[in-house]
Amino acid sequence: MLTVGFGVFRLYASYPNYQWTITIIIAVLYVVWGALHHAREGDLHVKIMIEYTLIAFIVLLIVRGALFR
């Protein structure tokens, strides 16, 4: 999922607004994938969801800063 997202991100290298939208979609899918994975494994906890959400948020902050200086 992340590899495909990165490929699409690179495809739109000249369009920072599209890249930002793609980054948001990837971050949301990352959190959803984490929730589904841990739910299937039977170890889904609030702490795990907070971790996935914080990692996605940090990546969004970094990419936002890189795209829109």
PDB file of N, CA and C in Angstrom:
ATOM      1  N   MET A   1       0.830  -1.188   0.000  1.00  0.00           N
ATOM      2  CA  MET A   1       0.000   0.000   0.000  1.00  0.00           C
ATOM      3  C   MET A   1       0.879   1.259   0.000  1.00  0.00           C
ATOM      4  N   LEU A   2       1.877   1.277   0.865  1.00  0.00           N
ATOM      5  CA  LEU A   2       2.738   2.450   0.938  1.00  0.00           C
ATOM      6  C   LEU A   2       3.595   2.605  -0.313  1.00  0.00           C
ATOM      7  N   THR A   3       3.993   1.487  -0.898  1.00  0.00           N
ATOM      8  CA  THR A   3       4.796   1.541  -2.118  1.00  0.00           C
ATOM      9  C   THR A   3       3.985   2.129  -3.274  1.00  0.00           C
ATOM     10  N   VAL A   4       2.762   1.683  -3.423  1.00  0.00           N
ATOM     11  CA  VAL A   4       1.884   2.214  -4.471  1.00  0.00           C
ATOM     12  C   VAL A   4       1.623   3.697  -4.208  1.00  0.00           C
ATOM     13  N   GLY A   5       1.366   4.049  -2.965  1.00  0.00           N
ATOM     14  CA  GLY A   5       1.140   5.457  -2.612  1.00  0.00           C
ATOM     15  C   GLY A   5       2.342   6.322  -2.938  1.00  0.00           C
ATOM     16  N   PHE A   6       3.539   5.821  -2.642  1.00  0.00           N
ATOM     17  CA  PHE A   6       4.749   6.574  -2.962  1.00  0.00           C
ATOM     18  C   PHE A   6       4.913   6.727  -4.469  1.00  0.00           C
ATOM     19  N   GLY A   7       4.586   5.667  -5.225  1.00  0.00           N
ATOM     20  CA  GLY A   7       4.666   5.749  -6.685  1.00  0.00           C
ATOM     21  C   GLY A   7       3.714   6.790  -7.247  1.00  0.00           C
ATOM     22  N   VAL A   8       2.495   6.825  -6.732  1.00  0.00           N
ATOM     23  CA  VAL A   8       1.526   7.827  -7.191  1.00  0.00           C
ATOM     24  C   VAL A   8       1.981   9.216  -6.773  1.00  0.00           C
ATOM     25  N   PHE A   9       2.540   9.332  -5.582  1.00  0.00           N
ATOM     26  CA  PHE A   9       3.078  10.608  -5.098  1.00  0.00           C
ATOM     27  C   PHE A   9       4.146  11.126  -6.056  1.00  0.00           C
ATOM     28  N   ARG A  10       5.060  10.256  -6.472  1.00  0.00           N
ATOM     29  CA  ARG A  10       6.124  10.648  -7.405  1.00  0.00           C
ATOM     30  C   ARG A  10       5.571  10.979  -8.796  1.00  0.00           C
ATOM     31  N   LEU A  11       4.498  10.314  -9.173  1.00  0.00           N
ATOM     32  CA  LEU A  11       3.879  10.554 -10.473  1.00  0.00           C
ATOM     33  C   LEU A  11       3.401  12.002 -10.589  1.00  0.00           C
ATOM     34  N   TYR A  12       2.959  12.560  -9.478  1.00  0.00           N
ATOM     35  CA  TYR A  12       2.462  13.934  -9.455  1.00  0.00           C
ATOM     36  C   TYR A  12       3.482  14.898  -8.859  1.00  0.00           C
ATOM     37  N   ALA A  13       4.743  14.708  -9.202  1.00  0.00           N
ATOM     38  CA  ALA A  13       5.831  15.501  -8.622  1.00  0.00           C
ATOM     39  C   ALA A  13       5.687  17.003  -8.893  1.00  0.00           C
ATOM     40  N   SER A  14       5.065  17.366  -9.974  1.00  0.00           N
ATOM     41  CA  SER A  14       4.930  18.787 -10.329  1.00  0.00           C
ATOM     42  C   SER A  14       3.680  19.423  -9.746  1.00  0.00           C
ATOM     43  N   TYR A  15       2.892  18.681  -9.007  1.00  0.00           N
ATOM     44  CA  TYR A  15       1.610  19.171  -8.490  1.00  0.00           C
ATOM     45  C   TYR A  15       1.535  18.988  -6.968  1.00  0.00           C
ATOM     46  N   PRO A  16       2.046  19.951  -6.213  1.00  0.00           N
ATOM     47  CA  PRO A  16       2.070  19.795  -4.752  1.00  0.00           C
ATOM     48  C   PRO A  16       0.690  19.654  -4.117  1.00  0.00           C
ATOM     49  N   ASN A  17      -0.329  20.259  -4.688  1.00  0.00           N
ATOM     50  CA  ASN A  17      -1.669  20.108  -4.116  1.00  0.00           C
ATOM     51  C   ASN A  17      -2.166  18.674  -4.256  1.00  0.00           C
ATOM     52  N   TYR A  18      -1.897  18.046  -5.388  1.00  0.00           N
ATOM     53  CA  TYR A  18      -2.252  16.637  -5.573  1.00  0.00           C
ATOM     54  C   TYR A  18      -1.434  15.758  -4.631  1.00  0.00           C
ATOM     55  N   GLN A  19      -0.150  16.087  -4.497  1.00  0.00           N
ATOM     56  CA  GLN A  19       0.697  15.317  -3.597  1.00  0.00           C
ATOM     57  C   GLN A  19       0.180  15.398  -2.161  1.00  0.00           C
ATOM     58  N   TRP A  20      -0.288  16.565  -1.760  1.00  0.00           N
ATOM     59  CA  TRP A  20      -0.829  16.728  -0.411  1.00  0.00           C
ATOM     60  C   TRP A  20      -2.081  15.863  -0.238  1.00  0.00           C
ATOM     61  N   THR A  21      -2.953  15.860  -1.234  1.00  0.00           N
ATOM     62  CA  THR A  21      -4.154  15.027  -1.172  1.00  0.00           C
ATOM     63  C   THR A  21      -3.786  13.545  -1.110  1.00  0.00           C
ATOM     64  N   ILE A  22      -2.825  13.136  -1.907  1.00  0.00           N
ATOM     65  CA  ILE A  22      -2.371  11.752  -1.908  1.00  0.00           C
ATOM     66  C   ILE A  22      -1.796  11.379  -0.546  1.00  0.00           C
ATOM     67  N   THR A  23      -1.049  12.287   0.056  1.00  0.00           N
ATOM     68  CA  THR A  23      -0.466  12.039   1.373  1.00  0.00           C
ATOM     69  C   THR A  23      -1.554  11.852   2.429  1.00  0.00           C
ATOM     70  N   ILE A  24      -2.595  12.660   2.374  1.00  0.00           N
ATOM     71  CA  ILE A  24      -3.704  12.521   3.329  1.00  0.00           C
ATOM     72  C   ILE A  24      -4.380  11.158   3.149  1.00  0.00           C
ATOM     73  N   ILE A  25      -4.613  10.772   1.909  1.00  0.00           N
ATOM     74  CA  ILE A  25      -5.253   9.477   1.637  1.00  0.00           C
ATOM     75  C   ILE A  25      -4.385   8.333   2.156  1.00  0.00           C
ATOM     76  N   ILE A  26      -3.087   8.411   1.908  1.00  0.00           N
ATOM     77  CA  ILE A  26      -2.179   7.363   2.376  1.00  0.00           C
ATOM     78  C   ILE A  26      -2.181   7.303   3.898  1.00  0.00           C
ATOM     79  N   ALA A  27      -2.169   8.457   4.563  1.00  0.00           N
ATOM     80  CA  ALA A  27      -2.162   8.483   6.026  1.00  0.00           C
ATOM     81  C   ALA A  27      -3.437   7.859   6.597  1.00  0.00           C
ATOM     82  N   VAL A  28      -4.574   8.188   6.000  1.00  0.00           N
ATOM     83  CA  VAL A  28      -5.842   7.615   6.468  1.00  0.00           C
ATOM     84  C   VAL A  28      -5.852   6.102   6.241  1.00  0.00           C
ATOM     85  N   LEU A  29      -5.413   5.663   5.070  1.00  0.00           N
ATOM     86  CA  LEU A  29      -5.363   4.225   4.786  1.00  0.00           C
ATOM     87  C   LEU A  29      -4.407   3.499   5.721  1.00  0.00           C
ATOM     88  N   TYR A  30      -3.308   4.153   6.102  1.00  0.00           N
ATOM     89  CA  TYR A  30      -2.353   3.579   7.044  1.00  0.00           C
ATOM     90  C   TYR A  30      -3.012   3.323   8.399  1.00  0.00           C
ATOM     91  N   VAL A  31      -3.771   4.294   8.884  1.00  0.00           N
ATOM     92  CA  VAL A  31      -4.455   4.141  10.165  1.00  0.00           C
ATOM     93  C   VAL A  31      -5.531   3.057  10.074  1.00  0.00           C
ATOM     94  N   VAL A  32      -6.293   3.055   8.991  1.00  0.00           N
ATOM     95  CA  VAL A  32      -7.340   2.051   8.806  1.00  0.00           C
ATOM     96  C   VAL A  32      -6.729   0.655   8.698  1.00  0.00           C
ATOM     97  N   TRP A  33      -5.651   0.534   7.930  1.00  0.00           N
ATOM     98  CA  TRP A  33      -4.982  -0.754   7.791  1.00  0.00           C
ATOM     99  C   TRP A  33      -4.491  -1.246   9.154  1.00  0.00           C
ATOM    100  N   GLY A  34      -3.915  -0.359   9.943  1.00  0.00           N
ATOM    101  CA  GLY A  34      -3.447  -0.741  11.275  1.00  0.00           C
ATOM    102  C   GLY A  34      -4.583  -1.230  12.147  1.00  0.00           C
ATOM    103  N   ALA A  35      -5.717  -0.541  12.100  1.00  0.00           N
ATOM    104  CA  ALA A  35      -6.878  -0.948  12.899  1.00  0.00           C
ATOM    105  C   ALA A  35      -7.386  -2.314  12.447  1.00  0.00           C
ATOM    106  N   LEU A  36      -7.504  -2.517  11.149  1.00  0.00           N
ATOM    107  CA  LEU A  36      -7.985  -3.805  10.640  1.00  0.00           C
ATOM    108  C   LEU A  36      -7.021  -4.944  10.966  1.00  0.00           C
ATOM    109  N   HIS A  37      -5.751  -4.678  10.809  1.00  0.00           N
ATOM    110  CA  HIS A  37      -4.747  -5.693  11.091  1.00  0.00           C
ATOM    111  C   HIS A  37      -4.795  -6.128  12.560  1.00  0.00           C
ATOM    112  N   HIS A  38      -4.792  -5.158  13.455  1.00  0.00           N
ATOM    113  CA  HIS A  38      -4.787  -5.485  14.876  1.00  0.00           C
ATOM    114  C   HIS A  38      -6.129  -6.053  15.334  1.00  0.00           C
ATOM    115  N   ALA A  39      -7.211  -5.632  14.723  1.00  0.00           N
ATOM    116  CA  ALA A  39      -8.517  -6.221  15.053  1.00  0.00           C
ATOM    117  C   ALA A  39      -8.541  -7.694  14.655  1.00  0.00           C
ATOM    118  N   ARG A  40      -7.978  -8.004  13.512  1.00  0.00           N
ATOM    119  CA  ARG A  40      -7.929  -9.394  13.052  1.00  0.00           C
ATOM    120  C   ARG A  40      -7.027 -10.246  13.942  1.00  0.00           C
ATOM    121  N   GLU A  41      -5.937  -9.645  14.421  1.00  0.00           N
ATOM    122  CA  GLU A  41      -5.025 -10.356  15.302  1.00  0.00           C
ATOM    123  C   GLU A  41      -5.572 -10.466  16.727  1.00  0.00           C
ATOM    124  N   GLY A  42      -6.568  -9.630  17.055  1.00  0.00           N
ATOM    125  CA  GLY A  42      -7.171  -9.673  18.376  1.00  0.00           C
ATOM    126  C   GLY A  42      -6.449  -8.855  19.425  1.00  0.00           C
ATOM    127  N   ASP A  43      -5.561  -7.950  19.004  1.00  0.00           N
ATOM    128  CA  ASP A  43      -4.837  -7.132  19.973  1.00  0.00           C
ATOM    129  C   ASP A  43      -5.010  -5.632  19.717  1.00  0.00           C
ATOM    130  N   LEU A  44      -6.187  -5.259  19.286  1.00  0.00           N
ATOM    131  CA  LEU A  44      -6.479  -3.849  19.027  1.00  0.00           C
ATOM    132  C   LEU A  44      -6.777  -3.149  20.348  1.00  0.00           C
ATOM    133  N   HIS A  45      -5.969  -2.133  20.642  1.00  0.00           N
ATOM    134  CA  HIS A  45      -6.134  -1.350  21.865  1.00  0.00           C
ATOM    135  C   HIS A  45      -6.060   0.125  21.515  1.00  0.00           C
ATOM    136  N   VAL A  46      -6.559   0.947  22.405  1.00  0.00           N
ATOM    137  CA  VAL A  46      -6.541   2.397  22.185  1.00  0.00           C
ATOM    138  C   VAL A  46      -5.108   2.890  22.014  1.00  0.00           C
ATOM    139  N   LYS A  47      -4.175   2.363  22.801  1.00  0.00           N
ATOM    140  CA  LYS A  47      -2.774   2.794  22.696  1.00  0.00           C
ATOM    141  C   LYS A  47      -2.213   2.538  21.301  1.00  0.00           C
ATOM    142  N   ILE A  48      -2.580   1.429  20.701  1.00  0.00           N
ATOM    143  CA  ILE A  48      -2.101   1.105  19.358  1.00  0.00           C
ATOM    144  C   ILE A  48      -2.682   2.086  18.346  1.00  0.00           C
ATOM    145  N   MET A  49      -3.948   2.404  18.473  1.00  0.00           N
ATOM    146  CA  MET A  49      -4.579   3.347  17.537  1.00  0.00           C
ATOM    147  C   MET A  49      -3.995   4.751  17.703  1.00  0.00           C
ATOM    148  N   ILE A  50      -3.693   5.127  18.926  1.00  0.00           N
ATOM    149  CA  ILE A  50      -3.054   6.430  19.154  1.00  0.00           C
ATOM    150  C   ILE A  50      -1.690   6.453  18.472  1.00  0.00           C
ATOM    151  N   GLU A  51      -0.950   5.367  18.571  1.00  0.00           N
ATOM    152  CA  GLU A  51       0.361   5.293  17.933  1.00  0.00           C
ATOM    153  C   GLU A  51       0.244   5.435  16.414  1.00  0.00           C
ATOM    154  N   TYR A  52      -0.648   4.683  15.796  1.00  0.00           N
ATOM    155  CA  TYR A  52      -0.830   4.783  14.345  1.00  0.00           C
ATOM    156  C   TYR A  52      -1.248   6.198  13.941  1.00  0.00           C
ATOM    157  N   THR A  53      -2.141   6.786  14.705  1.00  0.00           N
ATOM    158  CA  THR A  53      -2.628   8.129  14.396  1.00  0.00           C
ATOM    159  C   THR A  53      -1.517   9.163  14.543  1.00  0.00           C
ATOM    160  N   LEU A  54      -0.718   9.055  15.595  1.00  0.00           N
ATOM    161  CA  LEU A  54       0.376  10.013  15.793  1.00  0.00           C
ATOM    162  C   LEU A  54       1.437   9.891  14.707  1.00  0.00           C
ATOM    163  N   ILE A  55       1.760   8.676  14.308  1.00  0.00           N
ATOM    164  CA  ILE A  55       2.740   8.494  13.230  1.00  0.00           C
ATOM    165  C   ILE A  55       2.215   9.112  11.938  1.00  0.00           C
ATOM    166  N   ALA A  56       0.951   8.864  11.621  1.00  0.00           N
ATOM    167  CA  ALA A  56       0.359   9.445  10.412  1.00  0.00           C
ATOM    168  C   ALA A  56       0.375  10.977  10.499  1.00  0.00           C
ATOM    169  N   PHE A  57       0.055  11.519  11.674  1.00  0.00           N
ATOM    170  CA  PHE A  57       0.032  12.970  11.846  1.00  0.00           C
ATOM    171  C   PHE A  57       1.427  13.573  11.692  1.00  0.00           C
ATOM    172  N   ILE A  58       2.444  12.926  12.241  1.00  0.00           N
ATOM    173  CA  ILE A  58       3.819  13.418  12.111  1.00  0.00           C
ATOM    174  C   ILE A  58       4.247  13.421  10.649  1.00  0.00           C
ATOM    175  N   VAL A  59       3.909  12.349   9.927  1.00  0.00           N
ATOM    176  CA  VAL A  59       4.250  12.294   8.498  1.00  0.00           C
ATOM    177  C   VAL A  59       3.535  13.413   7.745  1.00  0.00           C
ATOM    178  N   LEU A  60       2.271  13.660   8.087  1.00  0.00           N
ATOM    179  CA  LEU A  60       1.541  14.754   7.438  1.00  0.00           C
ATOM    180  C   LEU A  60       2.215  16.094   7.698  1.00  0.00           C
ATOM    181  N   LEU A  61       2.663  16.322   8.912  1.00  0.00           N
ATOM    182  CA  LEU A  61       3.359  17.580   9.227  1.00  0.00           C
ATOM    183  C   LEU A  61       4.647  17.726   8.431  1.00  0.00           C
ATOM    184  N   ILE A  62       5.408  16.648   8.334  1.00  0.00           N
ATOM    185  CA  ILE A  62       6.677  16.696   7.603  1.00  0.00           C
ATOM    186  C   ILE A  62       6.441  16.947   6.119  1.00  0.00           C
ATOM    187  N   VAL A  63       5.506  16.221   5.530  1.00  0.00           N
ATOM    188  CA  VAL A  63       5.241  16.384   4.098  1.00  0.00           C
ATOM    189  C   VAL A  63       4.666  17.765   3.827  1.00  0.00           C
ATOM    190  N   ARG A  64       3.783  18.234   4.690  1.00  0.00           N
ATOM    191  CA  ARG A  64       3.211  19.583   4.513  1.00  0.00           C
ATOM    192  C   ARG A  64       4.323  20.623   4.525  1.00  0.00           C
ATOM    193  N   GLY A  65       5.238  20.501   5.452  1.00  0.00           N
ATOM    194  CA  GLY A  65       6.359  21.443   5.513  1.00  0.00           C
ATOM    195  C   GLY A  65       7.267  21.358   4.294  1.00  0.00           C
ATOM    196  N   ALA A  66       7.435  20.164   3.757  1.00  0.00           N
ATOM    197  CA  ALA A  66       8.293  19.997   2.582  1.00  0.00           C
ATOM    198  C   ALA A  66       7.611  20.518   1.306  1.00  0.00           C
ATOM    199  N   LEU A  67       6.305  20.357   1.214  1.00  0.00           N
ATOM    200  CA  LEU A  67       5.606  20.759  -0.001  1.00  0.00           C
ATOM    201  C   LEU A  67       5.308  22.252  -0.055  1.00  0.00           C
ATOM    202  N   PHE A  68       4.962  22.823   1.077  1.00  0.00           N
ATOM    203  CA  PHE A  68       4.528  24.217   1.122  1.00  0.00           C
ATOM    204  C   PHE A  68       5.383  25.004   2.099  1.00  0.00           C
ATOM    205  N   ARG A  69       6.513  25.476   1.640  1.00  0.00           N
ATOM    206  CA  ARG A  69       7.447  26.212   2.501  1.00  0.00           C
ATOM    207  C   ARG A  69       6.999  27.616   2.723  1.00  0.00           C
TER     208      ARG A  69
END
